[in-house]
Protein backbone atom coordinates (compact mmCIF):
# COMPACT_ATOMS: atom_id res chain seq x y z
CA MET A 1 136.19 47.17 133.54
CA PRO A 2 136.19 44.89 130.48
CA THR A 3 134.93 46.23 127.17
CA CYS A 4 132.76 44.31 124.74
CA LYS A 5 134.45 43.86 121.34
CA GLU A 6 131.09 44.15 119.52
CA CYS A 7 129.38 47.21 121.03
CA ASN A 8 132.42 48.79 122.76
CA ASP A 9 130.48 49.23 126.00
CA GLU A 10 132.08 48.68 129.38
CA VAL A 11 130.46 45.70 131.09
CA ASP A 12 130.73 43.85 134.39
CA ALA A 13 131.62 40.55 132.75
CA LEU A 14 132.36 39.19 129.28
CA VAL A 15 131.12 35.91 127.83
CA THR A 16 133.17 33.86 125.39
CA VAL A 17 131.15 32.82 122.34
CA LYS A 18 132.32 30.88 119.29
CA VAL A 19 131.28 32.60 116.06
CA ASP A 20 132.37 31.09 112.75
CA GLY A 21 134.89 28.95 114.63
CA LYS A 22 136.46 31.97 116.36
CA ALA A 23 136.14 32.68 120.06
CA LYS A 24 134.93 36.20 120.82
CA LYS A 25 134.55 37.90 124.19
CA LEU A 26 131.25 39.75 124.18
CA CYS A 27 128.77 41.17 126.67
CA GLU A 28 125.63 39.14 127.43
CA ASP A 29 123.46 41.05 124.92
CA CYS A 30 125.92 40.73 122.04
CA ALA A 31 126.58 37.08 122.94
CA ASP A 32 122.86 36.30 122.71
CA ARG A 33 122.62 38.04 119.33
CA ALA A 34 125.71 36.20 118.06
CA ARG A 35 124.26 32.83 119.17
CA GLU A 36 120.95 33.58 117.46
CA ALA A 37 122.69 34.65 114.25
CA ALA A 38 124.81 31.48 114.29
CA GLU A 39 121.72 29.30 114.81
CA ILE A 40 119.88 31.03 111.94
CA ALA A 41 122.88 30.63 109.63
CA GLU A 42 123.22 26.97 110.59
CA ALA A 43 119.52 26.32 110.01
CA SER A 44 119.55 27.99 106.60
CA GLU A 45 122.62 25.98 105.55
CA SER A 46 121.03 22.68 106.58
CA SER A 47 117.73 23.45 104.81
CA ARG A 48 119.40 24.10 101.43
CA GLY A 49 119.65 20.43 100.96
């Protein structure tokens, strides 16, 4: 079984997510958290102005 690079849990399937321009293979939960963190970082950068 594949292992998530973030939480080190064995999962049924991994999802590839781009974080800071790097592709990471994470489980669904970690992928969702990584996407949210990336969106928050992007929003804060754009609001600095």
